[in-house]
Amino acid sequence: MEENFKYNDNTTEHLKDVYKTVLAELGEDPNREGLQKTPERVAKAMQFLTKGYKQNPDEILKSAIFHEDYSEMVIVKDIEVYSQCEHHMLPFFGKAHVAYIPNGKIVGLSKIPRVVDAYARRLQVQERLTLEIRDCIQRTLEPKGVAVVLECSHMCMQMRGVEKQNSSTTSSAFTGLFLKNDATRKEFINLIQARLH
């Protein structure tokens, strides 16, 4: 939660000055009533929105690994994703669907969304974000396979540039059995598309 996030006072002060200058350069009066606290608010918002730089996704997973014989697919789907495009620093957001096939180890289910968030709360491109999530789970859990699908809307496409409001982008990345076995990959795709609840 943002209210529990620890802001760096030095960073806040420095960014506050930067955003005050930005407002002036854009033709605004940073001293008018509605904007007086905006530079500080933005300085704090940017620290929160990029808090992933201070998180270690591997350690997040390692904090809740359990040895189990379970060897069927584990899926966490519809994980909310909020990130910022590194090219324009505009938001992109959507859903992540993550699966792995255990190989003697499972992880606490809440840790997978935390890993997604740790990578998403950085300046990103969707393609790299997809690979980083996949590689972290593969590296840390050493499962028989990992599958990641991201479906996102990008404000850099919708608010500027081509201005295509209804466009979305899907990216995917697979390892192990999800790469080698068509039936396993199809099962994953069918399950993330199904509405089971």
Protein backbone atom coordinates (compact mmCIF):
# COMPACT_ATOMS: atom_id res chain seq x y z
CA MET A 1 0.00 0.00 0.00
CA GLU A 2 1.24 3.50 -0.82
CA GLU A 3 0.63 4.72 2.75
CA ASN A 4 3.25 2.20 4.01
CA PHE A 5 5.80 3.12 1.36
CA LYS A 6 8.94 4.88 2.63
CA TYR A 7 9.85 7.93 0.58
CA ASN A 8 13.42 9.19 0.34
CA ASP A 9 13.34 12.79 1.56
CA ASN A 10 16.39 13.82 -0.49
CA THR A 11 14.91 12.33 -3.65
CA THR A 12 11.56 14.00 -2.94
CA GLU A 13 13.19 17.41 -2.54
CA HIS A 14 15.31 17.06 -5.67
CA LEU A 15 12.43 15.80 -7.82
CA LYS A 16 10.15 18.50 -6.44
CA ASP A 17 12.49 21.16 -7.85
CA VAL A 18 12.68 19.33 -11.16
CA TYR A 19 8.89 19.09 -11.52
CA LYS A 20 8.46 22.74 -10.56
CA THR A 21 10.78 23.60 -13.46
CA VAL A 22 8.87 21.23 -15.76
CA LEU A 23 5.58 22.97 -14.94
CA ALA A 24 7.11 26.37 -15.69
CA GLU A 25 8.65 25.12 -18.96
CA LEU A 26 5.24 23.84 -20.05
CA GLY A 27 3.79 27.31 -19.61
CA GLU A 28 2.14 26.82 -16.20
CA ASP A 29 2.51 28.89 -13.07
CA PRO A 30 3.85 26.48 -10.42
CA ASN A 31 2.85 28.98 -7.73
CA ARG A 32 -0.85 29.08 -8.54
CA GLU A 33 -3.09 27.54 -5.89
CA GLY A 34 -3.92 24.27 -7.67
CA LEU A 35 -0.29 23.53 -8.52
CA GLN A 36 1.56 24.56 -5.36
CA LYS A 37 1.76 21.02 -3.98
CA THR A 38 1.87 19.24 -7.36
CA PRO A 39 5.69 19.01 -7.63
CA GLU A 40 5.88 17.22 -4.26
CA ARG A 41 2.94 14.96 -5.10
CA VAL A 42 4.53 13.96 -8.42
CA ALA A 43 7.92 13.45 -6.77
CA LYS A 44 6.34 11.02 -4.32
CA ALA A 45 4.17 9.35 -6.97
CA MET A 46 7.21 8.66 -9.17
CA GLN A 47 9.09 7.06 -6.27
CA PHE A 48 6.12 4.79 -5.60
CA LEU A 49 5.56 3.96 -9.28
CA THR A 50 9.21 2.91 -9.66
CA LYS A 51 9.62 1.13 -6.29
CA GLY A 52 10.50 -2.07 -8.14
CA TYR A 53 14.09 -0.84 -8.49
CA LYS A 54 14.47 -1.35 -4.75
CA GLN A 55 12.93 -4.85 -4.74
CA ASN A 56 14.66 -8.17 -5.45
CA PRO A 57 12.19 -10.49 -7.22
CA ASP A 58 14.36 -13.59 -6.68
CA GLU A 59 14.36 -12.96 -2.93
CA ILE A 60 10.58 -12.46 -2.98
CA LEU A 61 10.18 -16.00 -4.34
CA LYS A 62 12.87 -17.50 -2.13
CA SER A 63 11.06 -16.24 0.97
CA ALA A 64 8.23 -18.76 0.46
CA ILE A 65 9.50 -21.90 -1.28
CA PHE A 66 8.14 -25.24 -0.08
CA HIS A 67 9.10 -28.79 -1.05
CA GLU A 68 6.09 -30.69 -2.41
CA ASP A 69 5.57 -33.60 -4.80
CA TYR A 70 2.83 -31.74 -6.70
CA SER A 71 3.66 -31.82 -10.41
CA GLU A 72 0.58 -30.43 -12.18
CA MET A 73 0.28 -26.94 -13.64
CA VAL A 74 -0.11 -24.06 -11.18
CA ILE A 75 -1.67 -20.91 -12.66
CA VAL A 76 -2.13 -17.46 -11.19
CA LYS A 77 -4.16 -15.48 -13.70
CA ASP A 78 -5.64 -12.01 -14.04
CA ILE A 79 -2.82 -10.40 -12.04
CA GLU A 80 -3.22 -6.63 -12.36
CA VAL A 81 -0.23 -4.97 -14.04
CA TYR A 82 0.59 -1.27 -13.78
CA SER A 83 3.81 -0.05 -15.35
CA GLN A 84 5.32 2.85 -17.26
CA CYS A 85 6.66 2.79 -20.79
CA GLU A 86 10.35 3.68 -20.70
CA HIS A 87 10.07 5.62 -23.97
CA HIS A 88 7.50 8.22 -22.89
CA MET A 89 7.01 7.47 -19.18
CA LEU A 90 3.31 7.02 -19.82
CA PRO A 91 1.37 4.18 -18.17
CA PHE A 92 0.61 0.79 -19.58
CA PHE A 93 -1.64 -1.57 -17.71
CA GLY A 94 -3.51 -4.83 -18.01
CA LYS A 95 -3.34 -8.43 -16.82
CA ALA A 96 -0.61 -11.01 -16.36
CA HIS A 97 -1.22 -14.76 -16.45
CA VAL A 98 1.58 -16.88 -14.99
CA ALA A 99 1.93 -20.66 -14.78
CA TYR A 100 4.60 -23.09 -13.76
CA ILE A 101 4.90 -26.87 -13.51
CA PRO A 102 6.62 -27.72 -10.21
CA ASN A 103 9.67 -29.91 -10.03
CA GLY A 104 9.69 -30.70 -6.31
CA LYS A 105 9.21 -27.08 -5.21
CA ILE A 106 6.19 -24.79 -5.02
CA VAL A 107 5.95 -21.16 -3.98
CA GLY A 108 3.43 -19.26 -1.87
CA LEU A 109 0.82 -18.06 -4.35
CA SER A 110 0.97 -14.40 -3.26
CA LYS A 111 4.64 -14.26 -4.27
CA ILE A 112 3.93 -14.54 -7.99
CA PRO A 113 1.88 -11.30 -8.14
CA ARG A 114 4.60 -9.67 -6.00
CA VAL A 115 7.22 -10.67 -8.57
CA VAL A 116 5.06 -9.28 -11.38
CA ASP A 117 4.72 -6.02 -9.43
CA ALA A 118 8.45 -5.79 -8.62
CA TYR A 119 9.33 -5.89 -12.32
CA ALA A 120 6.35 -3.79 -13.45
CA ARG A 121 7.15 -0.96 -11.01
CA ARG A 122 10.14 0.07 -13.13
CA LEU A 123 10.41 1.85 -16.45
CA GLN A 124 9.63 -0.98 -18.84
CA VAL A 125 8.71 -2.32 -22.22
CA GLN A 126 6.09 -5.06 -22.16
CA GLU A 127 8.28 -7.55 -23.99
CA ARG A 128 11.11 -7.31 -21.44
CA LEU A 129 8.67 -7.39 -18.54
CA THR A 130 7.27 -10.68 -19.86
CA LEU A 131 10.74 -12.23 -20.10
CA GLU A 132 11.86 -10.96 -16.69
CA ILE A 133 8.88 -12.56 -14.94
CA ARG A 134 9.43 -15.85 -16.80
CA ASP A 135 13.18 -15.94 -16.15
CA CYS A 136 12.85 -15.10 -12.44
CA ILE A 137 10.45 -17.99 -11.84
CA GLN A 138 12.52 -20.40 -13.93
CA ARG A 139 15.78 -19.39 -12.24
CA THR A 140 14.45 -19.45 -8.68
CA LEU A 141 12.02 -22.41 -8.64
CA GLU A 142 13.70 -24.52 -11.35
CA PRO A 143 10.32 -25.89 -12.48
CA LYS A 144 9.62 -28.15 -15.44
CA GLY A 145 8.31 -25.14 -17.31
CA VAL A 146 7.06 -21.55 -16.99
CA ALA A 147 4.44 -19.70 -19.05
CA VAL A 148 3.75 -15.98 -18.94
CA VAL A 149 1.19 -14.02 -20.97
CA LEU A 150 0.67 -10.26 -20.61
CA GLU A 151 -2.27 -8.36 -22.12
CA CYS A 152 -1.84 -4.59 -21.80
CA SER A 153 -3.13 -1.25 -23.03
CA HIS A 154 -0.49 1.41 -23.63
CA MET A 155 -1.22 5.07 -23.06
CA CYS A 156 1.68 6.00 -25.35
CA MET A 157 -0.38 4.50 -28.20
CA GLN A 158 -3.78 5.68 -26.98
CA MET A 159 -3.09 9.25 -25.80
CA ARG A 160 -0.39 10.24 -28.29
CA GLY A 161 1.23 8.96 -31.48
CA VAL A 162 -1.23 6.82 -33.42
CA GLU A 163 -4.02 7.51 -30.88
CA LYS A 164 -5.64 4.08 -31.20
CA GLN A 165 -7.87 3.93 -28.14
CA ASN A 166 -9.00 0.31 -28.48
CA SER A 167 -5.64 -1.30 -29.17
CA SER A 168 -4.04 -3.77 -26.81
CA THR A 169 -0.80 -5.74 -26.88
CA THR A 170 -0.30 -9.39 -25.96
CA SER A 171 3.14 -10.84 -25.25
CA SER A 172 4.10 -14.34 -24.18
CA ALA A 173 7.15 -16.26 -23.01
CA PHE A 174 7.58 -19.97 -22.28
CA THR A 175 10.20 -22.40 -20.98
CA GLY A 176 10.47 -26.17 -20.60
CA LEU A 177 7.32 -28.23 -21.10
CA PHE A 178 5.36 -25.17 -22.28
CA LEU A 179 7.83 -24.82 -25.16
CA LYS A 180 8.28 -28.50 -25.98
CA ASN A 181 4.72 -29.74 -25.58
CA ASP A 182 1.90 -28.22 -27.64
CA ALA A 183 -0.76 -29.88 -25.47
CA THR A 184 0.67 -28.31 -22.29
CA ARG A 185 0.78 -24.87 -23.88
CA LYS A 186 -2.79 -25.26 -25.20
CA GLU A 187 -4.00 -26.33 -21.76
CA PHE A 188 -2.48 -23.16 -20.28
CA ILE A 189 -4.07 -20.94 -22.95
CA ASN A 190 -7.46 -22.63 -22.47
CA LEU A 191 -7.30 -22.23 -18.70
CA ILE A 192 -6.41 -18.52 -18.78
CA GLN A 193 -9.25 -17.90 -21.23
CA ALA A 194 -11.77 -19.89 -19.18
CA ARG A 195 -14.02 -18.25 -16.62
CA LEU A 196 -14.06 -20.93 -13.93
CA HIS A 197 -15.39 -18.78 -11.09
